[in-house]
Amino acid sequence: MQDTLVLVEQAITEKRQLHHAAVNASVLVSLQKDNELRESINNADIVNVDGQAVVWASNFLGVPLKERVAGPDLMTNLVELAHKKNYKIYLLGAKEEVVLKLVDIYKKKYRSSIIAGYRNGYFNEEDECDIINDIVNSDAQMLFVAITSPKKENFLHKHKKSLSKVNFIMGVGGSFDVFAGKIKRAPQWMQNSGLEWFYRFLQEPKRMWKRYLVGNTKFILLVLKEKFYKK
C-alpha cells in the first residue's frame, strides 16, 4: 500500500501518467481466455493484488507477494492524499444516485473543489468520446472508474493515451456503492481471513454465485496446475 501511494504521488508531482490495475482470483481466471482483458492488465504501469486468495496462492507457489492492496482501501488513502495535496478527482461509475451521493459525501468531508467532475457508469461506446473529453477538461489528477470487470480495465486501456493529462487512472469496481452506503463491506476479521468474497456473496447471491463459487474453484485448479504440472 505504502509503495503504491508513493508511486502515485511521484507521478502527479512529475506530471506523468500512472495506470493502475488490480487482480483477484476472478480476474486471473477470466484473463486465461479473455485476450483483451489480459492485454489491459499486462499493459498497466502498476498491478496490485486485490484478493487474499491470490496472496495465499503466491506463498503456496513460492513467489510470495508482500500484501493485499484492497481497492476500497487504496481509493480511501488516495482521496485523503488528494485532500492534503489539493489534487482533484474525477468519479466515473455506478448509478446516478450513488455517484451523486458519493460526491456529496466527499464535498462535505473534504471540500467542494476536490471534485473535478463525475458521471454515472451507464453509457454506450458512442458516449465514450464525450466522457473522455469531459475528464480531460476537468483537470483532474486522479480518475476512479467504478464499473464492472472487464469493462473498466478495457475502458482504461483503450483510452489511456487520450487520458494522458490525468496523472493517475484506476478501476475501483463496486467501491462507490460501498462508500455511498449502498453495499456494506465485510467486517475487518473477514477481510483478514480472506472471506470478504463470501460476505459479498451473501449480500448478492443471485449476481455473485457464479463469479465466486465457480470462479474460485477454477482459480484453485489453476494454482494446483501451476504448482504440480508446470513444464
Protein backbone atom coordinates (compact mmCIF):
# COMPACT_ATOMS: atom_id res chain seq x y z
CA MET A 1 0.00 0.00 0.00
CA GLN A 2 2.67 2.49 1.01
CA ASP A 3 4.75 1.74 -2.09
CA THR A 4 1.70 2.38 -4.29
CA LEU A 5 0.89 5.70 -2.61
CA VAL A 6 4.49 6.87 -3.09
CA LEU A 7 4.39 5.98 -6.80
CA VAL A 8 1.10 7.83 -7.27
CA GLU A 9 2.38 10.99 -5.61
CA GLN A 10 5.57 10.84 -7.68
CA ALA A 11 3.56 10.54 -10.90
CA ILE A 12 1.43 13.56 -10.02
CA THR A 13 4.46 15.63 -8.98
CA GLU A 14 6.30 14.73 -12.20
CA LYS A 15 3.13 15.30 -14.29
CA ARG A 16 3.20 11.86 -15.88
CA GLN A 17 0.56 9.16 -16.00
CA LEU A 18 0.36 6.05 -13.83
CA HIS A 19 -2.16 3.44 -14.95
CA HIS A 20 -3.20 1.18 -12.07
CA ALA A 21 -4.81 -2.24 -12.38
CA ALA A 22 -5.77 -4.82 -9.78
CA VAL A 23 -6.21 -8.57 -9.95
CA ASN A 24 -8.11 -11.05 -7.81
CA ALA A 25 -8.96 -14.71 -8.30
CA SER A 26 -11.89 -13.88 -10.59
CA VAL A 27 -9.84 -11.61 -12.86
CA LEU A 28 -6.99 -14.12 -13.10
CA VAL A 29 -9.44 -16.82 -14.15
CA SER A 30 -11.07 -14.55 -16.73
CA LEU A 31 -7.85 -13.45 -18.38
CA GLN A 32 -6.91 -17.06 -19.15
CA LYS A 33 -9.34 -16.84 -22.10
CA ASP A 34 -10.07 -13.12 -22.41
CA ASN A 35 -7.21 -11.78 -24.51
CA GLU A 36 -8.39 -8.17 -24.34
CA LEU A 37 -8.54 -8.25 -20.55
CA ARG A 38 -5.10 -9.88 -20.35
CA GLU A 39 -3.62 -7.18 -22.58
CA SER A 40 -5.28 -4.47 -20.48
CA ILE A 41 -3.80 -5.84 -17.25
CA ASN A 42 -0.35 -6.56 -18.69
CA ASN A 43 -0.05 -3.03 -20.08
CA ALA A 44 -0.84 -1.27 -16.81
CA ASP A 45 2.02 0.58 -15.11
CA ILE A 46 1.35 -0.96 -11.72
CA VAL A 47 -0.67 -4.06 -10.78
CA ASN A 48 -1.80 -4.67 -7.21
CA VAL A 49 -3.40 -7.79 -5.81
CA ASP A 50 -6.92 -7.10 -4.55
CA GLY A 51 -7.73 -10.58 -3.27
CA GLN A 52 -6.36 -12.51 -0.32
CA ALA A 53 -6.62 -15.78 -2.23
CA VAL A 54 -4.01 -14.53 -4.69
CA VAL A 55 -1.65 -13.64 -1.84
CA TRP A 56 -2.08 -17.14 -0.40
CA ALA A 57 -1.51 -18.66 -3.84
CA SER A 58 1.70 -16.66 -4.26
CA ASN A 59 3.00 -18.09 -0.97
CA PHE A 60 1.98 -21.61 -2.00
CA LEU A 61 3.82 -21.21 -5.31
CA GLY A 62 6.98 -19.94 -3.64
CA VAL A 63 6.84 -16.36 -5.01
CA PRO A 64 5.25 -14.55 -2.06
CA LEU A 65 3.63 -11.15 -2.52
CA LYS A 66 4.14 -8.55 0.17
CA GLU A 67 0.48 -7.88 0.91
CA ARG A 68 -3.00 -7.42 -0.45
CA VAL A 69 -3.84 -3.89 -1.56
CA ALA A 70 -7.63 -3.71 -1.45
CA GLY A 71 -9.19 -1.31 -3.95
CA PRO A 72 -11.50 0.44 -1.45
CA ASP A 73 -8.60 0.96 0.98
CA LEU A 74 -6.35 2.33 -1.76
CA MET A 75 -9.06 4.68 -3.00
CA THR A 76 -9.69 5.93 0.55
CA ASN A 77 -5.99 6.68 1.01
CA LEU A 78 -5.76 8.38 -2.37
CA VAL A 79 -8.75 10.63 -1.72
CA GLU A 80 -7.12 11.59 1.60
CA LEU A 81 -3.92 12.34 -0.33
CA ALA A 82 -5.89 14.45 -2.80
CA HIS A 83 -7.34 16.43 0.09
CA LYS A 84 -3.93 17.05 1.69
CA LYS A 85 -2.21 18.00 -1.56
CA ASN A 86 -5.10 19.92 -3.14
CA TYR A 87 -5.45 17.46 -6.00
CA LYS A 88 -8.74 17.00 -7.82
CA ILE A 89 -10.52 13.72 -8.52
CA TYR A 90 -13.00 12.56 -11.16
CA LEU A 91 -15.58 9.90 -10.31
CA LEU A 92 -16.90 7.75 -13.16
CA GLY A 93 -19.24 4.87 -12.48
CA ALA A 94 -22.13 3.36 -10.51
CA LYS A 95 -25.75 4.51 -10.74
CA GLU A 96 -26.57 8.21 -10.87
CA GLU A 97 -27.95 8.33 -7.34
CA VAL A 98 -24.88 6.51 -5.99
CA VAL A 99 -22.26 8.74 -7.60
CA LEU A 100 -24.25 11.86 -6.61
CA LYS A 101 -24.33 10.70 -3.01
CA LEU A 102 -20.59 9.99 -3.01
CA VAL A 103 -19.88 13.42 -4.49
CA ASP A 104 -21.95 14.97 -1.69
CA ILE A 105 -20.12 12.91 0.94
CA TYR A 106 -16.69 13.96 -0.31
CA LYS A 107 -17.65 17.62 -0.65
CA LYS A 108 -18.88 17.69 2.94
CA LYS A 109 -15.98 15.67 4.35
CA TYR A 110 -13.22 17.47 2.43
CA ARG A 111 -14.00 20.45 0.17
CA SER A 112 -16.15 21.12 -2.88
CA SER A 113 -13.14 21.70 -5.13
CA ILE A 114 -11.84 18.15 -4.59
CA ILE A 115 -14.42 17.00 -7.15
CA ALA A 116 -13.24 17.85 -10.67
CA GLY A 117 -16.22 16.09 -12.21
CA TYR A 118 -18.38 12.99 -12.14
CA ARG A 119 -20.62 10.80 -14.27
CA ASN A 120 -22.60 7.60 -13.77
CA GLY A 121 -21.29 4.37 -15.26
CA TYR A 122 -24.15 3.65 -17.64
CA PHE A 123 -23.09 4.64 -21.13
CA ASN A 124 -22.63 3.26 -24.63
CA GLU A 125 -19.50 3.18 -26.75
CA GLU A 126 -20.66 6.21 -28.72
CA ASP A 127 -20.70 8.22 -25.47
CA GLU A 128 -17.08 7.48 -24.63
CA CYS A 129 -15.51 10.30 -26.64
CA ASP A 130 -17.57 12.95 -24.82
CA ILE A 131 -16.83 11.30 -21.47
CA ILE A 132 -13.08 11.28 -22.13
CA ASN A 133 -13.16 14.94 -23.18
CA ASP A 134 -15.05 15.85 -20.01
CA ILE A 135 -12.50 14.04 -17.84
CA VAL A 136 -9.51 15.63 -19.58
CA ASN A 137 -11.03 19.12 -19.49
CA SER A 138 -11.80 18.77 -15.78
CA ASP A 139 -8.06 18.99 -14.94
CA ALA A 140 -8.39 16.08 -12.52
CA GLN A 141 -5.18 14.46 -11.30
CA MET A 142 -6.96 11.23 -10.33
CA LEU A 143 -9.64 9.22 -12.13
CA PHE A 144 -11.59 6.47 -10.36
CA VAL A 145 -13.69 4.20 -12.59
CA ALA A 146 -16.34 2.19 -10.76
CA ILE A 147 -17.72 -0.20 -13.36
CA THR A 148 -17.54 -3.98 -13.57
CA SER A 149 -14.76 -6.16 -14.98
CA PRO A 150 -13.64 -6.45 -17.68
CA LYS A 151 -15.29 -3.22 -18.84
CA LYS A 152 -13.32 -0.95 -16.52
CA GLU A 153 -9.95 -2.50 -17.36
CA ASN A 154 -10.61 -2.38 -21.10
CA PHE A 155 -12.01 1.16 -20.93
CA LEU A 156 -8.86 2.48 -19.23
CA HIS A 157 -6.54 0.57 -21.55
CA LYS A 158 -8.43 1.75 -24.63
CA HIS A 159 -8.39 5.43 -23.63
CA LYS A 160 -5.05 5.53 -21.79
CA LYS A 161 -3.34 7.81 -24.33
CA SER A 162 -6.31 10.15 -24.57
CA LEU A 163 -6.26 10.44 -20.77
CA SER A 164 -2.52 11.21 -20.65
CA LYS A 165 -3.16 14.52 -18.84
CA VAL A 166 -4.72 12.60 -15.94
CA ASN A 167 -1.83 11.54 -13.74
CA PHE A 168 -3.48 8.54 -12.09
CA ILE A 169 -6.18 6.29 -13.54
CA MET A 170 -7.67 3.36 -11.66
CA GLY A 171 -10.61 0.98 -11.79
CA VAL A 172 -12.33 0.55 -8.42
CA GLY A 173 -15.19 -1.88 -9.15
CA GLY A 174 -18.01 -1.54 -6.64
CA SER A 175 -16.23 0.88 -4.31
CA PHE A 176 -18.66 3.76 -4.98
CA ASP A 177 -21.52 1.56 -3.76
CA VAL A 178 -19.58 0.80 -0.58
CA PHE A 179 -18.63 4.41 0.18
CA ALA A 180 -22.15 5.66 -0.60
CA GLY A 181 -23.59 3.12 1.84
CA LYS A 182 -25.47 1.02 -0.71
CA ILE A 183 -23.40 -2.11 -0.01
CA LYS A 184 -21.78 -3.00 3.29
CA ARG A 185 -18.16 -4.06 3.34
CA ALA A 186 -17.18 -7.17 5.24
CA PRO A 187 -16.00 -6.80 8.85
CA GLN A 188 -12.23 -6.48 9.25
CA TRP A 189 -11.84 -10.02 10.59
CA MET A 190 -13.46 -11.41 7.44
CA GLN A 191 -11.20 -9.26 5.27
CA ASN A 192 -8.15 -10.52 7.14
CA SER A 193 -9.35 -14.12 6.86
CA GLY A 194 -9.89 -13.93 3.12
CA LEU A 195 -13.67 -14.17 3.49
CA GLU A 196 -14.65 -10.80 2.07
CA TRP A 197 -15.86 -12.53 -1.10
CA PHE A 198 -18.23 -14.68 0.97
CA TYR A 199 -19.70 -11.63 2.69
CA ARG A 200 -20.31 -10.06 -0.73
CA PHE A 201 -21.86 -13.30 -1.97
CA LEU A 202 -24.32 -13.31 0.96
CA GLN A 203 -25.47 -9.79 0.02
CA GLU A 204 -25.96 -10.52 -3.69
CA PRO A 205 -26.16 -14.32 -4.12
CA LYS A 206 -28.01 -14.29 -7.46
CA ARG A 207 -25.47 -11.98 -9.07
CA MET A 208 -22.34 -13.29 -7.41
CA TRP A 209 -22.73 -17.07 -7.15
CA LYS A 210 -21.10 -17.88 -10.47
CA ARG A 211 -18.27 -15.39 -10.05
CA TYR A 212 -17.29 -16.67 -6.63
CA LEU A 213 -18.28 -20.33 -6.38
CA VAL A 214 -17.43 -21.36 -9.93
CA GLY A 215 -14.61 -18.83 -10.32
CA ASN A 216 -12.91 -19.74 -7.05
CA THR A 217 -12.95 -23.42 -7.96
CA LYS A 218 -11.32 -22.65 -11.32
CA PHE A 219 -8.72 -20.49 -9.57
CA ILE A 220 -7.78 -23.30 -7.19
CA LEU A 221 -7.37 -25.66 -10.15
CA LEU A 222 -5.14 -23.12 -11.93
CA VAL A 223 -2.92 -22.79 -8.86
CA LEU A 224 -2.62 -26.56 -8.45
CA LYS A 225 -1.77 -26.93 -12.13
CA GLU A 226 0.92 -24.28 -11.82
CA LYS A 227 2.34 -25.99 -8.73
CA PHE A 228 2.35 -29.61 -9.84
CA TYR A 229 2.10 -29.69 -13.64
CA LYS A 230 4.21 -26.75 -14.72
CA LYS A 231 6.52 -27.75 -17.59
